[in-house]
């Protein structure tokens, strides 16, 4: 049988509870016998929950050496994973100040994020509607790695957000998408 692994999933989601279908769902493989029972399932790829919206999501994975085994049928060039989350709801939080965590800060500088423009002016949450209703902007934690910020340049710079998480008792919702932040560093006086 074939399967996929998930990362950044809410703790309430067990991989067996996720409605994922992989095509083809079974393949014949050859592998090193020293690997023993390693291949009860051939994991064809990894899916990040940040890439799963409240629709039917499709992901494609190439057949390559990263699988660790060879697919016997050479006509199979890729695997397709379908994850159906159409039963979930969507909530958009706008201009979310939340809790900001700056990673790799220089203590000689103060950092600030512009929420009015750029990538953090709205954050999309996915999950059951009754759980989404409980989440507010105060429950959001935003992590930004500022190590690549050019401290000699004036004005804001666009950086990729390292992580956005929900810091509440709600454990069945997730942040959908990847975000950027317009970060400004000013030297402390």
N, C-alpha and C. Protein backbone atom coordinates (compact mmCIF):
# COMPACT_ATOMS: atom_id res chain seq x y z
N UNK A 1 0.82 -1.20 0.00
CA UNK A 1 0.00 0.00 0.00
C UNK A 1 0.86 1.27 0.00
N UNK A 2 0.34 2.34 -0.58
CA UNK A 2 1.03 3.62 -0.60
C UNK A 2 0.39 4.54 0.44
N UNK A 3 1.16 5.55 0.87
CA UNK A 3 0.65 6.49 1.85
C UNK A 3 1.45 7.78 1.80
N UNK A 4 0.99 8.78 2.55
CA UNK A 4 1.71 10.05 2.70
C UNK A 4 1.86 10.34 4.18
N UNK A 5 2.84 11.16 4.51
CA UNK A 5 3.03 11.63 5.88
C UNK A 5 2.55 13.08 5.94
N UNK A 6 2.12 13.51 7.11
CA UNK A 6 1.65 14.87 7.32
C UNK A 6 2.51 15.57 8.35
N UNK A 7 2.73 16.88 8.15
CA UNK A 7 3.44 17.71 9.12
C UNK A 7 2.56 18.92 9.44
N UNK A 8 2.81 19.50 10.60
CA UNK A 8 2.09 20.69 11.08
C UNK A 8 0.59 20.45 11.21
N UNK A 9 0.21 19.23 11.50
CA UNK A 9 -1.21 18.94 11.67
C UNK A 9 -1.66 19.26 13.09
N UNK A 10 -2.91 19.69 13.24
CA UNK A 10 -3.42 19.93 14.59
C UNK A 10 -3.41 18.63 15.39
N UNK A 11 -3.23 18.73 16.69
CA UNK A 11 -3.11 17.52 17.52
C UNK A 11 -4.37 16.66 17.50
N UNK A 12 -5.52 17.25 17.18
CA UNK A 12 -6.76 16.48 17.14
C UNK A 12 -6.89 15.60 15.89
N UNK A 13 -5.97 15.76 14.94
CA UNK A 13 -6.03 14.97 13.71
C UNK A 13 -5.02 13.85 13.74
N UNK A 14 -5.51 12.62 13.82
CA UNK A 14 -4.67 11.45 13.68
C UNK A 14 -4.61 11.16 12.18
N UNK A 15 -3.45 10.78 11.68
CA UNK A 15 -3.29 10.55 10.24
C UNK A 15 -4.32 9.56 9.70
N UNK A 16 -4.74 8.61 10.53
CA UNK A 16 -5.73 7.63 10.08
C UNK A 16 -7.12 8.27 9.93
N UNK A 17 -7.35 9.42 10.56
CA UNK A 17 -8.65 10.09 10.47
C UNK A 17 -8.73 11.05 9.29
N UNK A 18 -7.62 11.30 8.64
CA UNK A 18 -7.60 12.24 7.53
C UNK A 18 -8.05 11.51 6.27
N UNK A 19 -8.97 12.10 5.55
CA UNK A 19 -9.49 11.49 4.34
C UNK A 19 -8.52 11.73 3.19
N UNK A 20 -7.51 10.85 3.09
CA UNK A 20 -6.51 10.97 2.02
C UNK A 20 -6.53 9.71 1.17
N UNK A 21 -6.50 9.91 -0.14
CA UNK A 21 -6.44 8.79 -1.07
C UNK A 21 -5.23 8.98 -1.97
N UNK A 22 -4.46 7.91 -2.15
CA UNK A 22 -3.27 7.97 -2.99
C UNK A 22 -3.50 7.08 -4.20
N UNK A 23 -3.13 7.61 -5.38
CA UNK A 23 -3.25 6.86 -6.63
C UNK A 23 -1.87 6.72 -7.24
N UNK A 24 -1.42 5.54 -7.58
CA UNK A 24 -2.04 4.25 -7.27
C UNK A 24 -1.96 3.96 -5.77
N UNK A 25 -2.95 3.21 -5.27
CA UNK A 25 -3.02 2.93 -3.84
C UNK A 25 -2.16 1.74 -3.44
N UNK A 26 -1.69 0.98 -4.42
CA UNK A 26 -0.78 -0.13 -4.17
C UNK A 26 0.21 -0.21 -5.31
N UNK A 27 1.46 -0.55 -5.00
CA UNK A 27 2.47 -0.77 -6.03
C UNK A 27 3.36 -1.94 -5.60
N UNK A 28 3.96 -2.55 -6.58
CA UNK A 28 4.95 -3.59 -6.31
C UNK A 28 6.31 -2.89 -6.30
N UNK A 29 7.11 -3.17 -5.26
CA UNK A 29 8.40 -2.51 -5.15
C UNK A 29 9.52 -3.53 -4.98
N UNK A 30 10.72 -3.08 -5.28
CA UNK A 30 11.92 -3.85 -4.96
C UNK A 30 12.75 -2.99 -4.03
N UNK A 31 13.35 -3.63 -3.04
CA UNK A 31 14.14 -2.90 -2.07
C UNK A 31 15.19 -3.83 -1.49
N UNK A 32 16.12 -3.26 -0.77
CA UNK A 32 17.20 -4.00 -0.15
C UNK A 32 16.62 -4.87 0.97
N UNK A 33 16.86 -6.19 0.93
CA UNK A 33 16.31 -7.07 1.97
C UNK A 33 16.79 -6.72 3.38
N UNK A 34 17.91 -6.02 3.49
CA UNK A 34 18.41 -5.60 4.81
C UNK A 34 17.44 -4.63 5.49
N UNK A 35 16.58 -3.98 4.69
CA UNK A 35 15.61 -3.03 5.26
C UNK A 35 14.48 -3.75 5.98
N UNK A 36 14.41 -5.06 5.86
CA UNK A 36 13.42 -5.86 6.59
C UNK A 36 11.99 -5.44 6.31
N UNK A 37 11.23 -5.21 7.37
CA UNK A 37 9.81 -4.86 7.24
C UNK A 37 9.58 -3.36 7.16
N UNK A 38 10.56 -2.61 6.73
CA UNK A 38 10.47 -1.15 6.64
C UNK A 38 9.34 -0.71 5.73
N UNK A 39 9.00 -1.54 4.76
CA UNK A 39 8.03 -1.13 3.75
C UNK A 39 6.67 -1.79 3.91
N UNK A 40 6.08 -1.66 5.11
CA UNK A 40 4.69 -2.07 5.27
C UNK A 40 3.80 -1.12 4.47
N UNK A 41 4.24 0.16 4.40
CA UNK A 41 3.59 1.19 3.58
C UNK A 41 4.70 1.93 2.86
N UNK A 42 4.52 2.21 1.58
CA UNK A 42 5.48 3.02 0.83
C UNK A 42 5.01 4.47 0.91
N UNK A 43 5.71 5.28 1.72
CA UNK A 43 5.35 6.70 1.84
C UNK A 43 5.93 7.44 0.65
N UNK A 44 5.03 8.03 -0.14
CA UNK A 44 5.43 8.65 -1.41
C UNK A 44 5.74 10.14 -1.27
N UNK A 45 5.42 10.73 -0.12
CA UNK A 45 5.71 12.15 0.07
C UNK A 45 5.16 12.65 1.39
N UNK A 46 5.40 13.93 1.63
CA UNK A 46 4.96 14.61 2.85
C UNK A 46 4.08 15.78 2.48
N UNK A 47 2.97 15.93 3.19
CA UNK A 47 2.04 17.04 2.96
C UNK A 47 2.01 17.91 4.21
N UNK A 48 2.23 19.20 4.02
CA UNK A 48 2.18 20.18 5.09
C UNK A 48 0.74 20.66 5.25
N UNK A 49 0.22 20.61 6.46
CA UNK A 49 -1.15 21.08 6.68
C UNK A 49 -1.33 22.54 6.25
N UNK A 50 -0.24 23.32 6.22
CA UNK A 50 -0.36 24.71 5.77
C UNK A 50 -0.74 24.79 4.29
N UNK A 51 -0.63 23.66 3.57
CA UNK A 51 -1.00 23.62 2.16
C UNK A 51 -2.38 23.02 1.93
N UNK A 52 -3.10 22.71 3.01
CA UNK A 52 -4.42 22.08 2.90
C UNK A 52 -5.50 23.11 3.21
N UNK A 53 -6.35 23.38 2.22
CA UNK A 53 -7.47 24.31 2.43
C UNK A 53 -8.74 23.51 2.69
N UNK A 54 -9.84 24.21 2.81
CA UNK A 54 -11.12 23.55 3.08
C UNK A 54 -11.81 23.18 1.76
N UNK A 55 -11.07 22.49 0.92
CA UNK A 55 -11.56 21.99 -0.37
C UNK A 55 -11.04 20.57 -0.54
N UNK A 56 -11.16 20.06 -1.75
CA UNK A 56 -10.50 18.81 -2.11
C UNK A 56 -9.13 19.21 -2.66
N UNK A 57 -8.07 18.84 -1.95
CA UNK A 57 -6.70 19.25 -2.28
C UNK A 57 -5.99 18.11 -3.00
N UNK A 58 -5.22 18.46 -4.03
CA UNK A 58 -4.48 17.46 -4.80
C UNK A 58 -2.99 17.77 -4.75
N UNK A 59 -2.20 16.75 -4.47
CA UNK A 59 -0.74 16.87 -4.39
C UNK A 59 -0.12 15.79 -5.27
N UNK A 60 0.92 16.15 -6.00
CA UNK A 60 1.59 15.19 -6.87
C UNK A 60 3.01 14.96 -6.38
N UNK A 61 3.43 13.71 -6.42
CA UNK A 61 4.78 13.31 -5.99
C UNK A 61 5.41 12.46 -7.08
N UNK A 62 6.61 12.83 -7.47
CA UNK A 62 7.33 12.09 -8.50
C UNK A 62 7.87 10.78 -7.93
N UNK A 63 7.92 9.78 -8.78
CA UNK A 63 8.58 8.53 -8.40
C UNK A 63 10.07 8.78 -8.58
N UNK A 64 10.82 8.75 -7.46
CA UNK A 64 12.26 9.01 -7.54
C UNK A 64 13.00 8.25 -6.46
N UNK A 65 14.30 8.47 -6.39
CA UNK A 65 15.15 7.73 -5.47
C UNK A 65 14.89 8.08 -4.01
N UNK A 66 14.20 9.19 -3.73
CA UNK A 66 13.90 9.55 -2.34
C UNK A 66 12.96 8.55 -1.67
N UNK A 67 12.28 7.74 -2.47
CA UNK A 67 11.37 6.76 -1.90
C UNK A 67 12.13 5.66 -1.16
N UNK A 68 13.38 5.42 -1.53
CA UNK A 68 14.17 4.38 -0.89
C UNK A 68 13.90 2.99 -1.44
N UNK A 69 12.97 2.88 -2.33
CA UNK A 69 12.64 1.61 -2.98
C UNK A 69 12.34 1.90 -4.44
N UNK A 70 12.41 0.87 -5.27
CA UNK A 70 12.12 1.05 -6.70
C UNK A 70 10.74 0.51 -7.01
N UNK A 71 9.97 1.31 -7.73
CA UNK A 71 8.65 0.86 -8.17
C UNK A 71 8.85 -0.06 -9.36
N UNK A 72 8.32 -1.28 -9.26
CA UNK A 72 8.54 -2.29 -10.29
C UNK A 72 7.93 -1.88 -11.63
N UNK A 73 6.75 -1.26 -11.62
CA UNK A 73 6.09 -0.84 -12.86
C UNK A 73 6.69 0.48 -13.32
N UNK A 74 7.52 0.43 -14.33
CA UNK A 74 8.23 1.63 -14.82
C UNK A 74 7.30 2.64 -15.50
N UNK A 75 6.06 2.25 -15.77
CA UNK A 75 5.08 3.19 -16.35
C UNK A 75 4.55 4.16 -15.31
N UNK A 76 4.73 3.85 -14.04
CA UNK A 76 4.26 4.74 -12.98
C UNK A 76 5.33 5.81 -12.77
N UNK A 77 5.01 7.05 -13.10
CA UNK A 77 5.97 8.16 -13.00
C UNK A 77 5.68 9.08 -11.81
N UNK A 78 4.44 9.04 -11.29
CA UNK A 78 4.08 9.90 -10.17
C UNK A 78 2.95 9.29 -9.38
N UNK A 79 2.80 9.80 -8.16
CA UNK A 79 1.70 9.44 -7.28
C UNK A 79 0.86 10.71 -7.08
N UNK A 80 -0.44 10.54 -6.98
CA UNK A 80 -1.33 11.66 -6.72
C UNK A 80 -2.04 11.40 -5.39
N UNK A 81 -1.94 12.37 -4.48
CA UNK A 81 -2.63 12.29 -3.20
C UNK A 81 -3.77 13.30 -3.21
N UNK A 82 -4.95 12.84 -2.83
CA UNK A 82 -6.13 13.70 -2.72
C UNK A 82 -6.55 13.74 -1.26
N UNK A 83 -6.61 14.95 -0.70
CA UNK A 83 -7.01 15.13 0.70
C UNK A 83 -8.29 15.96 0.69
N UNK A 84 -9.38 15.34 1.12
CA UNK A 84 -10.68 16.00 1.11
C UNK A 84 -10.96 16.64 2.47
N UNK A 85 -10.88 17.97 2.52
CA UNK A 85 -11.21 18.72 3.73
C UNK A 85 -12.39 19.67 3.45
N UNK A 86 -13.22 19.28 2.48
CA UNK A 86 -14.34 20.14 2.11
C UNK A 86 -15.39 20.25 3.21
N UNK A 87 -15.33 19.38 4.21
CA UNK A 87 -16.26 19.45 5.33
C UNK A 87 -15.83 20.47 6.38
N UNK A 88 -14.66 21.09 6.20
CA UNK A 88 -14.14 22.09 7.13
C UNK A 88 -14.59 23.49 6.71
N UNK A 89 -14.48 24.43 7.64
CA UNK A 89 -14.83 25.83 7.37
C UNK A 89 -13.56 26.67 7.30
N UNK A 90 -13.76 27.94 6.91
CA UNK A 90 -12.64 28.87 6.72
C UNK A 90 -12.98 30.17 7.46
N UNK A 91 -11.94 30.74 8.11
CA UNK A 91 -12.10 32.02 8.79
C UNK A 91 -10.90 32.88 8.44
N UNK A 92 -11.13 34.16 8.14
CA UNK A 92 -10.05 35.08 7.81
C UNK A 92 -9.94 36.11 8.93
N UNK A 93 -8.74 36.19 9.52
CA UNK A 93 -8.45 37.23 10.52
C UNK A 93 -7.70 38.34 9.80
N UNK A 94 -8.11 39.56 9.97
CA UNK A 94 -7.49 40.70 9.28
C UNK A 94 -6.63 41.51 10.24
N UNK A 95 -5.47 41.98 9.72
CA UNK A 95 -4.53 42.80 10.48
C UNK A 95 -4.33 42.25 11.89
N UNK A 96 -3.74 41.07 11.95
CA UNK A 96 -3.60 40.31 13.19
C UNK A 96 -2.30 40.66 13.90
N UNK A 97 -2.34 41.48 14.95
CA UNK A 97 -1.10 41.75 15.65
C UNK A 97 -0.61 40.54 16.43
N UNK A 98 -1.53 39.78 17.04
CA UNK A 98 -1.16 38.56 17.76
C UNK A 98 0.07 38.73 18.63
N UNK A 99 0.73 37.62 18.89
CA UNK A 99 1.99 37.62 19.63
C UNK A 99 3.10 37.47 18.60
N UNK A 100 4.06 38.37 18.63
CA UNK A 100 5.17 38.34 17.67
C UNK A 100 6.41 37.80 18.37
N UNK A 101 7.05 36.81 17.76
CA UNK A 101 8.31 36.27 18.26
C UNK A 101 9.34 36.46 17.16
N UNK A 102 10.38 37.22 17.47
CA UNK A 102 11.47 37.44 16.52
C UNK A 102 12.58 36.44 16.83
N UNK A 103 12.96 35.65 15.86
CA UNK A 103 14.03 34.67 16.03
C UNK A 103 15.35 35.27 15.55
N UNK A 104 16.44 34.99 16.24
CA UNK A 104 17.79 35.45 15.88
C UNK A 104 17.90 36.97 15.85
N UNK A 105 17.37 37.62 16.89
CA UNK A 105 17.41 39.08 17.00
C UNK A 105 18.81 39.57 17.33
N UNK A 106 19.11 40.77 16.88
CA UNK A 106 20.30 41.50 17.31
C UNK A 106 19.81 42.44 18.42
N UNK A 107 20.39 42.31 19.60
CA UNK A 107 19.93 43.08 20.76
C UNK A 107 20.08 44.58 20.61
N UNK A 108 20.81 45.03 19.60
CA UNK A 108 21.01 46.47 19.39
C UNK A 108 19.87 47.10 18.59
N UNK A 109 18.89 46.29 18.18
CA UNK A 109 17.82 46.79 17.33
C UNK A 109 16.45 46.47 17.91
N UNK A 110 15.49 47.35 17.58
CA UNK A 110 14.08 47.10 17.84
C UNK A 110 13.45 46.70 16.51
N UNK A 111 12.51 45.78 16.56
CA UNK A 111 11.88 45.27 15.35
C UNK A 111 10.38 45.57 15.38
N UNK A 112 9.83 45.81 14.20
CA UNK A 112 8.40 46.07 14.09
C UNK A 112 7.89 45.49 12.77
N UNK A 113 6.63 45.08 12.77
CA UNK A 113 5.98 44.53 11.58
C UNK A 113 4.86 45.47 11.18
N UNK A 114 4.75 45.73 9.87
CA UNK A 114 3.65 46.53 9.31
C UNK A 114 2.51 45.57 8.96
N UNK A 115 1.41 45.66 9.70
CA UNK A 115 0.27 44.78 9.45
C UNK A 115 -0.69 45.35 8.41
N UNK A 116 -0.59 46.61 8.09
CA UNK A 116 -1.50 47.22 7.14
C UNK A 116 -1.26 46.77 5.71
N UNK A 117 -0.03 46.53 5.36
CA UNK A 117 0.29 46.09 4.01
C UNK A 117 1.11 44.83 4.08
N UNK A 118 1.38 44.25 2.95
CA UNK A 118 2.21 43.05 2.94
C UNK A 118 1.42 41.80 3.24
N UNK A 119 2.13 40.75 3.59
CA UNK A 119 1.55 39.42 3.68
C UNK A 119 0.77 39.09 4.93
N UNK A 120 0.83 39.93 5.96
CA UNK A 120 0.13 39.60 7.19
C UNK A 120 -1.14 40.42 7.40
N UNK A 121 -1.66 41.05 6.35
CA UNK A 121 -2.87 41.83 6.53
C UNK A 121 -4.11 40.93 6.67
N UNK A 122 -3.98 39.63 6.34
CA UNK A 122 -5.05 38.68 6.62
C UNK A 122 -4.45 37.28 6.72
N UNK A 123 -4.93 36.53 7.69
CA UNK A 123 -4.47 35.17 7.93
C UNK A 123 -5.68 34.24 7.83
N UNK A 124 -5.53 33.15 7.09
CA UNK A 124 -6.62 32.21 6.86
C UNK A 124 -6.49 31.03 7.81
N UNK A 125 -7.58 30.73 8.51
CA UNK A 125 -7.65 29.58 9.40
C UNK A 125 -8.64 28.57 8.83
N UNK A 126 -8.35 27.29 9.00
CA UNK A 126 -9.22 26.21 8.53
C UNK A 126 -9.54 25.32 9.72
N UNK A 127 -10.78 24.85 9.80
CA UNK A 127 -11.16 23.92 10.86
C UNK A 127 -12.67 23.85 10.98
N UNK A 128 -13.17 23.13 11.98
CA UNK A 128 -14.61 23.08 12.21
C UNK A 128 -15.13 24.47 12.60
N UNK A 129 -16.29 24.84 12.09
CA UNK A 129 -16.82 26.19 12.30
C UNK A 129 -16.94 26.55 13.78
N UNK A 130 -17.41 25.60 14.61
CA UNK A 130 -17.58 25.90 16.05
C UNK A 130 -16.23 26.15 16.73
N UNK A 131 -15.16 25.54 16.24
CA UNK A 131 -13.83 25.79 16.80
C UNK A 131 -13.26 27.10 16.30
N UNK A 132 -13.47 27.40 15.02
CA UNK A 132 -12.98 28.66 14.45
C UNK A 132 -13.59 29.86 15.16
N UNK A 133 -14.86 29.73 15.57
CA UNK A 133 -15.54 30.83 16.26
C UNK A 133 -14.86 31.19 17.58
N UNK A 134 -14.13 30.26 18.17
CA UNK A 134 -13.46 30.48 19.45
C UNK A 134 -12.11 31.18 19.31
N UNK A 135 -11.55 31.21 18.09
CA UNK A 135 -10.21 31.76 17.88
C UNK A 135 -10.28 33.25 17.59
N UNK A 136 -9.47 34.03 18.33
CA UNK A 136 -9.39 35.47 18.10
C UNK A 136 -7.96 35.82 17.69
N UNK A 137 -7.76 37.06 17.32
CA UNK A 137 -6.42 37.53 16.92
C UNK A 137 -5.42 37.36 18.06
N UNK A 138 -5.88 37.44 19.31
CA UNK A 138 -4.99 37.28 20.46
C UNK A 138 -4.45 35.86 20.59
N UNK A 139 -5.07 34.90 19.92
CA UNK A 139 -4.63 33.50 19.98
C UNK A 139 -3.55 33.17 18.96
N UNK A 140 -3.20 34.12 18.12
CA UNK A 140 -2.25 33.86 17.03
C UNK A 140 -0.83 34.25 17.45
N UNK A 141 0.11 33.34 17.21
CA UNK A 141 1.52 33.64 17.45
C UNK A 141 2.26 33.58 16.11
N UNK A 142 3.00 34.65 15.82
CA UNK A 142 3.73 34.77 14.56
C UNK A 142 5.22 34.76 14.86
N UNK A 143 5.96 33.86 14.19
CA UNK A 143 7.41 33.78 14.36
C UNK A 143 8.08 34.24 13.08
N UNK A 144 9.03 35.17 13.22
CA UNK A 144 9.76 35.69 12.07
C UNK A 144 11.25 35.60 12.36
N UNK A 145 11.98 34.94 11.48
CA UNK A 145 13.44 34.85 11.60
C UNK A 145 14.04 36.10 10.97
N UNK A 146 14.65 36.95 11.78
CA UNK A 146 15.19 38.23 11.29
C UNK A 146 16.68 38.17 10.99
N UNK A 147 17.26 36.97 10.96
CA UNK A 147 18.70 36.84 10.73
C UNK A 147 19.12 37.33 9.35
N UNK A 148 18.22 37.28 8.36
CA UNK A 148 18.59 37.72 7.01
C UNK A 148 18.24 39.19 6.75
N UNK A 149 17.75 39.89 7.76
CA UNK A 149 17.38 41.29 7.61
C UNK A 149 18.63 42.14 7.44
N UNK A 150 18.65 43.00 6.44
CA UNK A 150 19.77 43.91 6.21
C UNK A 150 19.61 45.09 7.16
N UNK A 151 20.41 45.10 8.22
CA UNK A 151 20.26 46.10 9.28
C UNK A 151 20.78 47.48 8.86
N UNK A 152 21.53 47.56 7.78
CA UNK A 152 22.03 48.86 7.34
C UNK A 152 21.06 49.55 6.39
N UNK A 153 20.05 48.86 5.98
CA UNK A 153 19.08 49.41 5.03
C UNK A 153 17.92 50.05 5.79
N UNK A 154 17.53 51.23 5.38
CA UNK A 154 16.39 51.88 6.04
C UNK A 154 15.10 51.40 5.39
N UNK A 155 14.04 51.50 6.13
CA UNK A 155 12.74 51.07 5.61
C UNK A 155 12.51 49.59 5.86
N UNK A 156 11.29 49.14 5.61
CA UNK A 156 10.94 47.76 5.85
C UNK A 156 11.46 46.82 4.78
N UNK A 157 11.62 45.58 5.16
CA UNK A 157 12.05 44.53 4.24
C UNK A 157 11.09 43.36 4.36
N UNK A 158 10.84 42.70 3.25
CA UNK A 158 9.93 41.57 3.24
C UNK A 158 10.68 40.29 3.59
N UNK A 159 10.20 39.60 4.61
CA UNK A 159 10.78 38.34 5.04
C UNK A 159 9.69 37.27 5.07
N UNK A 160 10.09 36.03 4.82
CA UNK A 160 9.14 34.93 4.94
C UNK A 160 8.89 34.66 6.42
N UNK A 161 7.63 34.44 6.77
CA UNK A 161 7.27 34.14 8.15
C UNK A 161 7.65 32.69 8.43
N UNK A 162 8.38 32.45 9.52
CA UNK A 162 8.84 31.10 9.86
C UNK A 162 7.67 30.20 10.24
N UNK A 163 6.76 30.73 11.05
CA UNK A 163 5.65 29.91 11.51
C UNK A 163 4.55 30.82 12.05
N UNK A 164 3.31 30.40 11.85
CA UNK A 164 2.17 31.03 12.49
C UNK A 164 1.40 29.91 13.16
N UNK A 165 1.14 30.06 14.46
CA UNK A 165 0.45 29.00 15.18
C UNK A 165 -0.71 29.56 15.98
N UNK A 166 -1.62 28.66 16.33
CA UNK A 166 -2.78 29.00 17.15
C UNK A 166 -2.45 28.60 18.58
N UNK A 167 -2.41 29.57 19.49
CA UNK A 167 -2.05 29.34 20.89
C UNK A 167 -3.31 29.39 21.74
N UNK A 168 -4.11 28.34 21.66
CA UNK A 168 -5.33 28.28 22.46
C UNK A 168 -5.65 26.81 22.73
N UNK A 169 -6.77 26.57 23.39
CA UNK A 169 -7.20 25.20 23.67
C UNK A 169 -7.79 24.53 22.44
N UNK A 170 -8.02 25.28 21.38
CA UNK A 170 -8.57 24.71 20.15
C UNK A 170 -7.47 23.89 19.48
N UNK A 171 -7.72 22.60 19.27
CA UNK A 171 -6.68 21.73 18.73
C UNK A 171 -7.08 21.02 17.44
N UNK A 172 -8.08 21.59 16.75
CA UNK A 172 -8.52 20.97 15.49
C UNK A 172 -8.57 21.97 14.34
N UNK A 173 -7.84 23.08 14.47
CA UNK A 173 -7.77 24.10 13.42
C UNK A 173 -6.32 24.35 13.05
N UNK A 174 -6.11 24.91 11.87
CA UNK A 174 -4.75 25.20 11.43
C UNK A 174 -4.71 26.46 10.58
N UNK A 175 -3.51 27.03 10.46
CA UNK A 175 -3.28 28.20 9.62
C UNK A 175 -2.98 27.71 8.21
N UNK A 176 -3.73 28.22 7.24
CA UNK A 176 -3.55 27.81 5.85
C UNK A 176 -2.71 28.86 5.11
N UNK A 177 -1.72 28.40 4.38
CA UNK A 177 -0.93 29.28 3.52
C UNK A 177 0.42 29.62 4.11
N UNK A 178 1.21 30.27 3.28
CA UNK A 178 2.53 30.75 3.68
C UNK A 178 2.47 32.28 3.62
N UNK A 179 3.19 32.94 4.50
CA UNK A 179 3.05 34.38 4.66
C UNK A 179 4.41 35.07 4.66
N UNK A 180 4.36 36.35 4.33
CA UNK A 180 5.53 37.20 4.43
C UNK A 180 5.20 38.35 5.39
N UNK A 181 6.24 38.96 5.92
CA UNK A 181 6.06 40.08 6.83
C UNK A 181 6.96 41.22 6.38
N UNK A 182 6.44 42.45 6.45
CA UNK A 182 7.23 43.64 6.17
C UNK A 182 7.81 44.09 7.51
N UNK A 183 9.12 43.81 7.71
CA UNK A 183 9.77 44.03 9.01
C UNK A 183 10.73 45.24 8.91
N UNK A 184 10.67 46.08 9.94
CA UNK A 184 11.57 47.22 10.03
C UNK A 184 12.42 47.06 11.28
N UNK A 185 13.72 47.31 11.13
CA UNK A 185 14.64 47.29 12.27
C UNK A 185 15.19 48.68 12.48
N UNK A 186 15.11 49.17 13.70
CA UNK A 186 15.68 50.47 14.02
C UNK A 186 16.66 50.31 15.17
N UNK A 187 17.80 51.00 15.07
CA UNK A 187 18.84 50.88 16.08
C UNK A 187 18.36 51.52 17.38
N UNK A 188 18.60 50.82 18.48
CA UNK A 188 18.23 51.36 19.79
C UNK A 188 19.13 52.55 20.10
N UNK A 189 18.57 53.52 20.78
CA UNK A 189 19.32 54.73 21.16
C UNK A 189 19.89 54.59 22.54
